[in-house]
Every structure is written in C-alpha cells, then in structure tokens.
C-alpha cells in the first residue's frame, strides 16, 4: 500500500476512502452510468473473496496490475519476480491479463525476455494471476432487493455532501474529490 498521506480530523488515515471515491467518481463520469449500486464486504472475515483465497484482505481498483505485482496490504503476493515496474509495463502494453498471456511472443515489447525468470514465472503462475484478479475485481452482478429507481445516478447535492463530510471529519480532506472537481 501507499504511505498514509490523507487523514480525517481525528488523525485517522483515509487514503483508502479517498482513493475509492476518486475511482467511483471517475468510473461514473467516464462511463455515462445511469444506474449504480455501491456495496462493501460486510466483514473482511466473511467476504466471498475469502472463500476463494483465504489470505484476501480488501478490494482494490487495478485488478490486472495488482494480480501481477501483488499487494502486501491485501496479502495478495502476485506473480513471483513481477514488481511494480514490470506489471505496469505489461498492463500498459497489453491491457489485460488475457492479452498479456495471448501475446507471449511479444513480451519483449514490455522488456521481458522469453527465457528470463520473469517470463518463466509468468507462465508458471498464470492460473494464480487469474485467481488474484478474480478476487481483486469489483463484483458487478449482485442481486438487487429494492426498486431499480433507487439506483439512478444523478447530480449529487453539494450541501448534503458537505454536511456529511463535516460530520465525519472529512470535509477538508475529501471535499475537492467530491465537490466542484467534476460531476459524480
């Protein structure tokens, strides 16, 4: 994980909250989303992700990248020998795990020689990379138990956002993420 640089008024780290809200805002804006539901695992101990990978800790935003590089905060080891730079080059060059593995003959474009230890590990740990991506992805197929109208995305009410952020001690740290920096 990243070092803690954002805090609420009580001094608690809010890096994760800030990152998630930035991601959510960008996703809603970029994809012209009309309906959305945001849900969180009720408990880190009872998440469905724990059933498929018991060491899993929390969700993140870049599943293909993190499946390769790993994330010590979430206890996902990634592919042995693939760190931040290599994972970034692979994802930048090929986009997805599927494309990375479908274009093994072009790995040199991402700086990976065919006979290198990284190439051997990528090949050997392919199934694990896909497993890690599975548990790192946001679930999009949850059953809704309330009317679809309640999920309609609209322009947020700035006064309500400010009131809630202030109540939570987050106004100074998060207002620029949620207010006046683009629509949610």
N, C-alpha and C. Protein backbone atom coordinates (compact mmCIF):
# COMPACT_ATOMS: atom_id res chain seq x y z
N UNK A 1 0.81 -1.19 0.00
CA UNK A 1 0.00 0.00 0.00
C UNK A 1 0.85 1.25 0.00
N UNK A 2 0.19 2.36 -0.22
CA UNK A 2 0.85 3.65 -0.23
C UNK A 2 0.99 4.18 1.19
N UNK A 3 1.95 5.08 1.42
CA UNK A 3 2.06 5.67 2.75
C UNK A 3 0.81 6.50 3.05
N UNK A 4 0.46 6.59 4.33
CA UNK A 4 -0.70 7.39 4.72
C UNK A 4 -0.38 8.87 4.54
N UNK A 5 -1.15 9.56 3.70
CA UNK A 5 -0.94 10.99 3.49
C UNK A 5 -2.22 11.80 3.67
N UNK A 6 -3.37 11.13 3.75
CA UNK A 6 -4.63 11.82 3.95
C UNK A 6 -5.25 11.34 5.26
N UNK A 7 -5.70 12.31 6.08
CA UNK A 7 -6.22 11.99 7.41
C UNK A 7 -7.51 12.76 7.67
N UNK A 8 -8.38 12.18 8.52
CA UNK A 8 -9.55 12.92 8.97
C UNK A 8 -9.14 13.82 10.13
N UNK A 9 -10.09 14.56 10.69
CA UNK A 9 -9.75 15.49 11.76
C UNK A 9 -9.31 14.80 13.04
N UNK A 10 -9.59 13.50 13.18
CA UNK A 10 -9.15 12.75 14.35
C UNK A 10 -7.79 12.11 14.13
N UNK A 11 -7.18 12.34 12.94
CA UNK A 11 -5.87 11.79 12.66
C UNK A 11 -5.87 10.39 12.07
N UNK A 12 -7.05 9.84 11.74
CA UNK A 12 -7.12 8.50 11.15
C UNK A 12 -6.86 8.59 9.64
N UNK A 13 -6.11 7.62 9.13
CA UNK A 13 -5.81 7.58 7.70
C UNK A 13 -7.09 7.36 6.90
N UNK A 14 -7.24 8.14 5.82
CA UNK A 14 -8.40 7.98 4.93
C UNK A 14 -7.95 7.79 3.49
N UNK A 15 -6.69 7.32 3.31
CA UNK A 15 -6.19 7.08 1.95
C UNK A 15 -7.15 6.20 1.15
N UNK A 16 -7.59 5.09 1.76
CA UNK A 16 -8.47 4.16 1.06
C UNK A 16 -9.80 4.78 0.67
N UNK A 17 -10.37 5.56 1.57
CA UNK A 17 -11.64 6.23 1.29
C UNK A 17 -11.46 7.20 0.14
N UNK A 18 -10.42 7.99 0.21
CA UNK A 18 -10.16 8.99 -0.83
C UNK A 18 -9.95 8.30 -2.19
N UNK A 19 -9.12 7.27 -2.21
CA UNK A 19 -8.86 6.56 -3.46
C UNK A 19 -10.11 5.95 -4.04
N UNK A 20 -10.92 5.34 -3.18
CA UNK A 20 -12.15 4.72 -3.65
C UNK A 20 -13.11 5.77 -4.22
N UNK A 21 -13.26 6.89 -3.54
CA UNK A 21 -14.16 7.93 -4.02
C UNK A 21 -13.68 8.52 -5.35
N UNK A 22 -12.38 8.69 -5.50
CA UNK A 22 -11.84 9.17 -6.77
C UNK A 22 -12.14 8.17 -7.89
N UNK A 23 -11.94 6.90 -7.60
CA UNK A 23 -12.22 5.85 -8.57
C UNK A 23 -13.71 5.83 -8.93
N UNK A 24 -14.57 5.90 -7.92
CA UNK A 24 -16.01 5.86 -8.16
C UNK A 24 -16.45 7.04 -9.01
N UNK A 25 -15.98 8.21 -8.67
CA UNK A 25 -16.35 9.40 -9.42
C UNK A 25 -15.89 9.28 -10.88
N UNK A 26 -14.66 8.87 -11.10
CA UNK A 26 -14.14 8.72 -12.46
C UNK A 26 -14.92 7.68 -13.24
N UNK A 27 -15.24 6.57 -12.61
CA UNK A 27 -15.99 5.50 -13.27
C UNK A 27 -17.38 5.97 -13.68
N UNK A 28 -18.06 6.64 -12.79
CA UNK A 28 -19.41 7.13 -13.10
C UNK A 28 -19.37 8.18 -14.20
N UNK A 29 -18.40 9.07 -14.17
CA UNK A 29 -18.30 10.12 -15.17
C UNK A 29 -17.89 9.58 -16.54
N UNK A 30 -16.89 8.73 -16.54
CA UNK A 30 -16.31 8.23 -17.79
C UNK A 30 -17.23 7.29 -18.54
N UNK A 31 -18.03 6.54 -17.83
CA UNK A 31 -18.84 5.51 -18.46
C UNK A 31 -20.31 5.87 -18.66
N UNK A 32 -20.68 7.13 -18.43
CA UNK A 32 -22.06 7.57 -18.61
C UNK A 32 -23.02 6.60 -17.92
N UNK A 33 -22.76 6.34 -16.66
CA UNK A 33 -23.56 5.40 -15.88
C UNK A 33 -24.89 6.03 -15.50
N UNK A 34 -25.97 5.31 -15.73
CA UNK A 34 -27.29 5.80 -15.36
C UNK A 34 -27.80 5.19 -14.06
N UNK A 35 -27.36 3.97 -13.78
CA UNK A 35 -27.76 3.28 -12.55
C UNK A 35 -26.51 2.70 -11.90
N UNK A 36 -26.44 2.76 -10.60
CA UNK A 36 -25.28 2.21 -9.90
C UNK A 36 -25.66 1.85 -8.47
N UNK A 37 -25.03 0.83 -7.97
CA UNK A 37 -25.15 0.44 -6.57
C UNK A 37 -23.74 0.26 -6.04
N UNK A 38 -23.46 0.82 -4.90
CA UNK A 38 -22.16 0.67 -4.27
C UNK A 38 -22.35 -0.18 -3.03
N UNK A 39 -21.58 -1.24 -2.93
CA UNK A 39 -21.68 -2.13 -1.78
C UNK A 39 -20.29 -2.49 -1.31
N UNK A 40 -20.17 -2.80 -0.06
CA UNK A 40 -18.90 -3.18 0.51
C UNK A 40 -19.06 -4.53 1.19
N UNK A 41 -17.96 -5.28 1.27
CA UNK A 41 -18.00 -6.52 2.03
C UNK A 41 -18.36 -6.17 3.46
N UNK A 42 -19.31 -6.89 4.02
CA UNK A 42 -19.76 -6.61 5.38
C UNK A 42 -18.64 -6.80 6.39
N UNK A 43 -17.79 -7.77 6.11
CA UNK A 43 -16.70 -8.06 7.02
C UNK A 43 -15.53 -8.60 6.22
N UNK A 44 -14.34 -8.24 6.63
CA UNK A 44 -13.16 -8.80 5.97
C UNK A 44 -13.05 -10.29 6.23
N UNK A 45 -13.71 -10.77 7.27
CA UNK A 45 -13.62 -12.18 7.62
C UNK A 45 -14.67 -13.05 6.93
N UNK A 46 -15.76 -12.45 6.44
CA UNK A 46 -16.84 -13.25 5.84
C UNK A 46 -17.04 -12.95 4.37
N UNK A 47 -16.15 -12.25 3.72
CA UNK A 47 -16.27 -11.91 2.32
C UNK A 47 -16.22 -13.16 1.45
N UNK A 48 -16.96 -13.15 0.33
CA UNK A 48 -16.90 -14.27 -0.61
C UNK A 48 -15.48 -14.46 -1.13
N UNK A 49 -14.69 -13.38 -1.15
CA UNK A 49 -13.31 -13.47 -1.62
C UNK A 49 -12.49 -14.40 -0.72
N UNK A 50 -12.83 -14.43 0.57
CA UNK A 50 -12.11 -15.31 1.49
C UNK A 50 -12.35 -16.78 1.15
N UNK A 51 -13.49 -17.09 0.55
CA UNK A 51 -13.78 -18.47 0.16
C UNK A 51 -12.85 -18.95 -0.95
N UNK A 52 -12.51 -18.03 -1.89
CA UNK A 52 -11.65 -18.45 -3.00
C UNK A 52 -10.17 -18.21 -2.72
N UNK A 53 -9.87 -17.30 -1.78
CA UNK A 53 -8.48 -17.04 -1.41
C UNK A 53 -8.45 -16.52 0.03
N UNK A 54 -8.24 -17.41 1.00
CA UNK A 54 -8.37 -17.05 2.42
C UNK A 54 -7.48 -15.90 2.88
N UNK A 55 -6.36 -15.64 2.22
CA UNK A 55 -5.47 -14.56 2.66
C UNK A 55 -5.94 -13.19 2.19
N UNK A 56 -7.03 -13.14 1.43
CA UNK A 56 -7.50 -11.87 0.89
C UNK A 56 -7.89 -10.90 1.99
N UNK A 57 -7.58 -9.63 1.83
CA UNK A 57 -7.93 -8.65 2.86
C UNK A 57 -8.95 -7.61 2.39
N UNK A 58 -8.76 -6.97 1.26
CA UNK A 58 -9.68 -5.89 0.86
C UNK A 58 -9.65 -5.70 -0.65
N UNK A 59 -10.62 -4.97 -1.17
CA UNK A 59 -10.74 -4.75 -2.60
C UNK A 59 -9.86 -3.60 -3.08
N UNK A 60 -9.46 -3.61 -4.32
CA UNK A 60 -8.65 -2.55 -4.89
C UNK A 60 -9.13 -2.23 -6.29
N UNK A 61 -8.52 -1.21 -6.88
CA UNK A 61 -9.01 -0.67 -8.15
C UNK A 61 -8.37 -1.23 -9.39
N UNK A 62 -7.20 -1.76 -9.35
CA UNK A 62 -6.48 -2.16 -10.55
C UNK A 62 -6.19 -3.65 -10.52
N UNK A 63 -7.19 -4.47 -10.77
CA UNK A 63 -7.02 -5.92 -10.57
C UNK A 63 -6.00 -6.58 -11.49
N UNK A 64 -5.91 -6.20 -12.75
CA UNK A 64 -4.93 -6.85 -13.63
C UNK A 64 -3.50 -6.51 -13.18
N UNK A 65 -3.28 -5.24 -12.90
CA UNK A 65 -1.96 -4.80 -12.42
C UNK A 65 -1.62 -5.48 -11.09
N UNK A 66 -2.54 -5.43 -10.15
CA UNK A 66 -2.25 -5.98 -8.82
C UNK A 66 -2.14 -7.50 -8.83
N UNK A 67 -2.84 -8.16 -9.74
CA UNK A 67 -2.71 -9.61 -9.84
C UNK A 67 -1.28 -9.99 -10.19
N UNK A 68 -0.62 -9.14 -10.97
CA UNK A 68 0.77 -9.39 -11.36
C UNK A 68 1.75 -8.90 -10.30
N UNK A 69 1.60 -7.65 -9.87
CA UNK A 69 2.56 -7.04 -8.94
C UNK A 69 2.35 -7.48 -7.51
N UNK A 70 1.12 -7.84 -7.17
CA UNK A 70 0.81 -8.18 -5.80
C UNK A 70 0.50 -6.95 -4.97
N UNK A 71 0.02 -7.17 -3.76
CA UNK A 71 -0.32 -6.08 -2.86
C UNK A 71 -0.19 -6.60 -1.43
N UNK A 72 0.85 -6.15 -0.75
CA UNK A 72 1.08 -6.65 0.60
C UNK A 72 -0.02 -6.24 1.57
N UNK A 73 -0.67 -5.11 1.32
CA UNK A 73 -1.76 -4.66 2.19
C UNK A 73 -2.92 -5.66 2.14
N UNK A 74 -3.23 -6.17 0.96
CA UNK A 74 -4.32 -7.12 0.79
C UNK A 74 -3.86 -8.57 0.92
N UNK A 75 -2.57 -8.76 1.16
CA UNK A 75 -2.00 -10.10 1.29
C UNK A 75 -2.15 -10.92 0.01
N UNK A 76 -2.00 -10.24 -1.14
CA UNK A 76 -2.01 -10.90 -2.44
C UNK A 76 -0.58 -10.84 -2.96
N UNK A 77 0.09 -11.99 -3.08
CA UNK A 77 1.51 -11.98 -3.42
C UNK A 77 1.84 -11.61 -4.86
N UNK A 78 0.91 -11.77 -5.79
CA UNK A 78 1.22 -11.51 -7.19
C UNK A 78 2.10 -12.60 -7.76
N UNK A 79 2.62 -12.36 -8.94
CA UNK A 79 3.49 -13.32 -9.63
C UNK A 79 4.92 -13.07 -9.17
N UNK A 80 5.60 -14.14 -8.76
CA UNK A 80 6.97 -14.04 -8.26
C UNK A 80 7.86 -13.35 -9.29
N UNK A 81 8.60 -12.36 -8.81
CA UNK A 81 9.54 -11.66 -9.67
C UNK A 81 8.95 -10.52 -10.48
N UNK A 82 7.63 -10.36 -10.43
CA UNK A 82 6.98 -9.26 -11.16
C UNK A 82 6.67 -8.17 -10.14
N UNK A 83 7.36 -7.08 -10.24
CA UNK A 83 7.12 -5.97 -9.33
C UNK A 83 6.31 -4.88 -10.01
N UNK A 84 6.34 -3.73 -9.39
CA UNK A 84 5.57 -2.58 -9.87
C UNK A 84 5.90 -2.21 -11.31
N UNK A 85 7.18 -2.04 -11.62
CA UNK A 85 7.58 -1.58 -12.96
C UNK A 85 7.21 -2.58 -14.05
N UNK A 86 7.47 -3.85 -13.80
CA UNK A 86 7.18 -4.88 -14.80
C UNK A 86 5.67 -5.01 -15.00
N UNK A 87 4.92 -5.02 -13.91
CA UNK A 87 3.46 -5.12 -14.03
C UNK A 87 2.90 -3.92 -14.78
N UNK A 88 3.42 -2.74 -14.47
CA UNK A 88 2.96 -1.53 -15.16
C UNK A 88 3.25 -1.60 -16.65
N UNK A 89 4.46 -2.07 -17.01
CA UNK A 89 4.81 -2.19 -18.45
C UNK A 89 3.91 -3.19 -19.15
N UNK A 90 3.65 -4.32 -18.50
CA UNK A 90 2.78 -5.34 -19.11
C UNK A 90 1.36 -4.82 -19.31
N UNK A 91 0.80 -4.21 -18.29
CA UNK A 91 -0.58 -3.73 -18.38
C UNK A 91 -0.66 -2.55 -19.36
N UNK A 92 0.34 -1.69 -19.36
CA UNK A 92 0.35 -0.57 -20.30
C UNK A 92 0.45 -1.07 -21.74
N UNK A 93 1.26 -2.08 -21.96
CA UNK A 93 1.48 -2.61 -23.31
C UNK A 93 0.31 -3.45 -23.79
N UNK A 94 -0.24 -4.31 -22.92
CA UNK A 94 -1.23 -5.30 -23.36
C UNK A 94 -2.64 -5.09 -22.80
N UNK A 95 -2.76 -4.33 -21.73
CA UNK A 95 -4.08 -4.01 -21.20
C UNK A 95 -4.63 -4.96 -20.16
N UNK A 96 -4.84 -6.19 -20.53
CA UNK A 96 -5.48 -7.16 -19.64
C UNK A 96 -4.63 -8.42 -19.51
N UNK A 97 -4.93 -9.22 -18.49
CA UNK A 97 -4.22 -10.50 -18.34
C UNK A 97 -4.42 -11.37 -19.57
N UNK A 98 -5.64 -11.38 -20.11
CA UNK A 98 -5.89 -12.19 -21.30
C UNK A 98 -4.94 -11.79 -22.43
N UNK A 99 -4.83 -10.49 -22.68
CA UNK A 99 -3.95 -10.02 -23.75
C UNK A 99 -2.47 -10.27 -23.43
N UNK A 100 -2.12 -10.14 -22.19
CA UNK A 100 -0.73 -10.41 -21.79
C UNK A 100 -0.38 -11.85 -22.14
N UNK A 101 -1.24 -12.78 -21.75
CA UNK A 101 -0.93 -14.20 -21.98
C UNK A 101 -1.18 -14.62 -23.43
N UNK A 102 -2.08 -13.97 -24.13
CA UNK A 102 -2.32 -14.28 -25.54
C UNK A 102 -1.19 -13.79 -26.43
N UNK A 103 -0.38 -12.84 -25.94
CA UNK A 103 0.69 -12.26 -26.75
C UNK A 103 2.07 -12.50 -26.14
N UNK A 104 2.26 -13.70 -25.64
CA UNK A 104 3.54 -14.04 -25.02
C UNK A 104 4.72 -13.80 -25.97
N UNK A 105 4.50 -14.01 -27.24
CA UNK A 105 5.59 -13.82 -28.22
C UNK A 105 6.00 -12.35 -28.33
N UNK A 106 5.20 -11.44 -27.80
CA UNK A 106 5.51 -10.01 -27.87
C UNK A 106 5.94 -9.44 -26.52
N UNK A 107 6.22 -10.28 -25.52
CA UNK A 107 6.59 -9.79 -24.20
C UNK A 107 7.84 -8.92 -24.22
N UNK A 108 8.70 -9.11 -25.21
CA UNK A 108 9.91 -8.29 -25.30
C UNK A 108 9.55 -6.81 -25.44
N UNK A 109 8.37 -6.51 -26.02
CA UNK A 109 7.92 -5.13 -26.13
C UNK A 109 7.74 -4.49 -24.76
N UNK A 110 7.49 -5.31 -23.75
CA UNK A 110 7.35 -4.83 -22.38
C UNK A 110 8.63 -5.06 -21.58
N UNK A 111 9.72 -5.42 -22.29
CA UNK A 111 11.01 -5.58 -21.64
C UNK A 111 11.24 -6.94 -21.00
N UNK A 112 10.46 -7.95 -21.39
CA UNK A 112 10.60 -9.28 -20.80
C UNK A 112 11.14 -10.25 -21.83
N UNK A 113 12.36 -10.73 -21.59
CA UNK A 113 12.97 -11.70 -22.50
C UNK A 113 12.30 -13.06 -22.31
N UNK A 114 12.16 -13.80 -23.39
CA UNK A 114 11.45 -15.08 -23.38
C UNK A 114 12.03 -16.09 -22.39
N UNK A 115 13.34 -16.08 -22.21
CA UNK A 115 13.97 -17.06 -21.33
C UNK A 115 14.23 -16.53 -19.92
N UNK A 116 13.77 -15.34 -19.62
CA UNK A 116 14.04 -14.74 -18.31
C UNK A 116 13.24 -15.42 -17.20
N UNK A 117 13.69 -15.23 -15.96
CA UNK A 117 12.97 -15.78 -14.81
C UNK A 117 11.57 -15.21 -14.71
N UNK A 118 11.42 -13.94 -15.06
CA UNK A 118 10.10 -13.32 -15.01
C UNK A 118 9.16 -14.01 -16.00
N UNK A 119 9.64 -14.29 -17.21
CA UNK A 119 8.81 -14.97 -18.21
C UNK A 119 8.43 -16.37 -17.74
N UNK A 120 9.39 -17.08 -17.15
CA UNK A 120 9.12 -18.42 -16.63
C UNK A 120 8.07 -18.35 -15.52
N UNK A 121 8.23 -17.38 -14.61
CA UNK A 121 7.27 -17.23 -13.52
C UNK A 121 5.89 -16.82 -14.02
N UNK A 122 5.84 -15.92 -14.98
CA UNK A 122 4.55 -15.52 -15.56
C UNK A 122 3.83 -16.73 -16.14
N UNK A 123 4.57 -17.55 -16.85
CA UNK A 123 3.98 -18.75 -17.44
C UNK A 123 3.53 -19.74 -16.36
N UNK A 124 4.41 -20.02 -15.41
CA UNK A 124 4.14 -20.99 -14.36
C UNK A 124 2.98 -20.55 -13.44
N UNK A 125 2.88 -19.24 -13.18
CA UNK A 125 1.89 -18.74 -12.24
C UNK A 125 0.67 -18.10 -12.91
N UNK A 126 0.43 -18.48 -14.15
CA UNK A 126 -0.70 -17.92 -14.91
C UNK A 126 -2.03 -18.09 -14.17
N UNK A 127 -2.31 -19.30 -13.72
CA UNK A 127 -3.59 -19.56 -13.05
C UNK A 127 -3.73 -18.73 -11.78
N UNK A 128 -2.63 -18.57 -11.06
CA UNK A 128 -2.69 -17.74 -9.84
C UNK A 128 -2.96 -16.28 -10.18
N UNK A 129 -2.37 -15.78 -11.26
CA UNK A 129 -2.61 -14.39 -11.66
C UNK A 129 -4.10 -14.17 -11.93
N UNK A 130 -4.72 -15.12 -12.63
CA UNK A 130 -6.17 -15.00 -12.91
C UNK A 130 -6.99 -15.14 -11.64
N UNK A 131 -6.57 -16.00 -10.72
CA UNK A 131 -7.26 -16.12 -9.44
C UNK A 131 -7.17 -14.80 -8.66
N UNK A 132 -5.98 -14.22 -8.60
CA UNK A 132 -5.81 -12.96 -7.88
C UNK A 132 -6.67 -11.86 -8.50
N UNK A 133 -6.71 -11.80 -9.83
CA UNK A 133 -7.54 -10.78 -10.47
C UNK A 133 -9.01 -10.99 -10.12
N UNK A 134 -9.43 -12.23 -10.08
CA UNK A 134 -10.82 -12.54 -9.74
C UNK A 134 -11.19 -11.98 -8.37
N UNK A 135 -10.34 -12.17 -7.40
CA UNK A 135 -10.69 -11.71 -6.06
C UNK A 135 -10.48 -10.21 -5.89
N UNK A 136 -9.70 -9.60 -6.77
CA UNK A 136 -9.46 -8.16 -6.68
C UNK A 136 -10.49 -7.34 -7.45
N UNK A 137 -11.24 -7.97 -8.33
CA UNK A 137 -12.24 -7.24 -9.13
C UNK A 137 -13.45 -6.88 -8.29
N UNK A 138 -14.05 -5.79 -8.68
CA UNK A 138 -15.31 -5.40 -8.06
C UNK A 138 -16.41 -6.29 -8.61
N UNK A 139 -17.26 -6.78 -7.75
CA UNK A 139 -18.39 -7.60 -8.19
C UNK A 139 -19.43 -6.69 -8.84
N UNK A 140 -19.96 -7.11 -9.98
CA UNK A 140 -20.95 -6.30 -10.70
C UNK A 140 -22.26 -7.03 -10.91
N UNK A 141 -22.43 -8.19 -10.29
CA UNK A 141 -23.61 -8.99 -10.57
C UNK A 141 -24.46 -9.27 -9.32
N UNK A 142 -24.45 -8.35 -8.38
CA UNK A 142 -25.21 -8.56 -7.15
C UNK A 142 -26.71 -8.46 -7.43
N UNK A 143 -27.48 -9.28 -6.74
CA UNK A 143 -28.93 -9.24 -6.86
C UNK A 143 -29.45 -8.01 -6.12
N UNK A 144 -30.34 -7.24 -6.77
CA UNK A 144 -30.93 -6.07 -6.13
C UNK A 144 -32.22 -6.46 -5.44
N UNK A 145 -32.40 -5.98 -4.23
CA UNK A 145 -33.60 -6.30 -3.47
C UNK A 145 -34.44 -5.06 -3.21
N UNK A 146 -34.33 -4.09 -4.08
CA UNK A 146 -35.12 -2.87 -3.96
C UNK A 146 -35.33 -2.34 -5.38
N UNK A 147 -36.26 -1.39 -5.54
CA UNK A 147 -36.60 -0.90 -6.89
C UNK A 147 -35.40 -0.29 -7.61
N UNK A 148 -35.32 -0.54 -8.90
CA UNK A 148 -34.22 -0.03 -9.72
C UNK A 148 -34.15 1.49 -9.68
N UNK A 149 -35.29 2.16 -9.54
CA UNK A 149 -35.30 3.61 -9.49
C UNK A 149 -34.41 4.17 -8.39
N UNK A 150 -34.23 3.41 -7.33
CA UNK A 150 -33.41 3.87 -6.21
C UNK A 150 -31.93 3.88 -6.57
N UNK A 151 -31.56 3.29 -7.69
CA UNK A 151 -30.15 3.22 -8.08
C UNK A 151 -29.79 4.23 -9.16
N UNK A 152 -30.72 5.10 -9.51
CA UNK A 152 -30.47 6.08 -10.57
C UNK A 152 -29.38 7.06 -10.13
N UNK A 153 -28.40 7.26 -11.01
CA UNK A 153 -27.30 8.18 -10.72
C UNK A 153 -27.74 9.58 -11.12
N UNK A 154 -27.54 10.52 -10.24
CA UNK A 154 -27.87 11.91 -10.52
C UNK A 154 -26.78 12.83 -10.01
N UNK A 155 -26.98 14.09 -10.24
CA UNK A 155 -26.01 15.09 -9.74
C UNK A 155 -26.11 15.14 -8.23
N UNK A 156 -25.00 14.97 -7.53
CA UNK A 156 -25.06 14.98 -6.06
C UNK A 156 -25.42 16.36 -5.53
N UNK A 157 -26.08 16.38 -4.41
CA UNK A 157 -26.45 17.63 -3.76
C UNK A 157 -25.28 18.08 -2.89
N UNK A 158 -24.63 19.17 -3.33
CA UNK A 158 -23.42 19.64 -2.68
C UNK A 158 -23.62 19.91 -1.20
N UNK A 159 -24.74 20.50 -0.82
CA UNK A 159 -24.95 20.83 0.60
C UNK A 159 -25.01 19.56 1.46
N UNK A 160 -25.63 18.50 0.94
CA UNK A 160 -25.71 17.24 1.69
C UNK A 160 -24.33 16.60 1.81
N UNK A 161 -23.55 16.68 0.74
CA UNK A 161 -22.20 16.11 0.77
C UNK A 161 -21.35 16.85 1.80
N UNK A 162 -21.40 18.16 1.76
CA UNK A 162 -20.63 18.96 2.73
C UNK A 162 -21.03 18.64 4.17
N UNK A 163 -22.33 18.51 4.43
CA UNK A 163 -22.81 18.21 5.78
C UNK A 163 -22.28 16.86 6.25
N UNK A 164 -22.36 15.85 5.39
CA UNK A 164 -21.88 14.51 5.76
C UNK A 164 -20.37 14.48 5.95
N UNK A 165 -19.63 15.11 5.05
CA UNK A 165 -18.18 15.15 5.17
C UNK A 165 -17.76 15.85 6.46
N UNK A 166 -18.45 16.94 6.79
CA UNK A 166 -18.13 17.67 8.02
C UNK A 166 -18.43 16.80 9.24
N UNK A 167 -19.58 16.12 9.24
CA UNK A 167 -19.96 15.25 10.36
C UNK A 167 -18.93 14.15 10.58
N UNK A 168 -18.36 13.63 9.49
CA UNK A 168 -17.39 12.55 9.57
C UNK A 168 -15.95 13.03 9.77
N UNK A 169 -15.75 14.35 9.80
CA UNK A 169 -14.41 14.89 9.96
C UNK A 169 -13.57 14.77 8.70
N UNK A 170 -14.24 14.73 7.55
CA UNK A 170 -13.54 14.51 6.29
C UNK A 170 -13.63 15.69 5.33
N UNK A 171 -14.28 16.77 5.74
CA UNK A 171 -14.55 17.88 4.82
C UNK A 171 -13.27 18.43 4.19
N UNK A 172 -12.27 18.73 5.00
CA UNK A 172 -11.04 19.31 4.45
C UNK A 172 -10.31 18.35 3.53
N UNK A 173 -10.33 17.07 3.84
CA UNK A 173 -9.56 16.09 3.07
C UNK A 173 -10.25 15.61 1.81
N UNK A 174 -11.59 15.61 1.80
CA UNK A 174 -12.29 14.99 0.67
C UNK A 174 -13.17 15.92 -0.15
N UNK A 175 -13.39 17.13 0.27
CA UNK A 175 -14.33 17.98 -0.47
C UNK A 175 -13.87 18.20 -1.90
N UNK A 176 -12.56 18.32 -2.13
CA UNK A 176 -12.09 18.53 -3.51
C UNK A 176 -12.23 17.28 -4.37
N UNK A 177 -12.39 16.13 -3.76
CA UNK A 177 -12.59 14.90 -4.52
C UNK A 177 -14.05 14.80 -4.97
N UNK A 178 -14.95 15.28 -4.13
CA UNK A 178 -16.39 15.09 -4.38
C UNK A 178 -17.12 16.33 -4.86
N UNK A 179 -16.60 17.50 -4.60
CA UNK A 179 -17.31 18.74 -4.90
C UNK A 179 -16.51 19.59 -5.86
N UNK A 180 -17.16 20.08 -6.88
CA UNK A 180 -16.60 21.05 -7.82
C UNK A 180 -15.39 20.56 -8.63
N UNK A 181 -15.04 19.29 -8.54
CA UNK A 181 -13.92 18.81 -9.33
C UNK A 181 -14.39 17.97 -10.50
N UNK A 182 -15.65 18.00 -10.78
CA UNK A 182 -16.25 17.18 -11.83
C UNK A 182 -17.48 16.53 -11.27
N UNK A 183 -18.35 16.09 -12.14
CA UNK A 183 -19.60 15.52 -11.65
C UNK A 183 -19.43 14.07 -11.21
N UNK A 184 -20.27 13.69 -10.30
CA UNK A 184 -20.25 12.30 -9.84
C UNK A 184 -21.31 11.52 -10.56
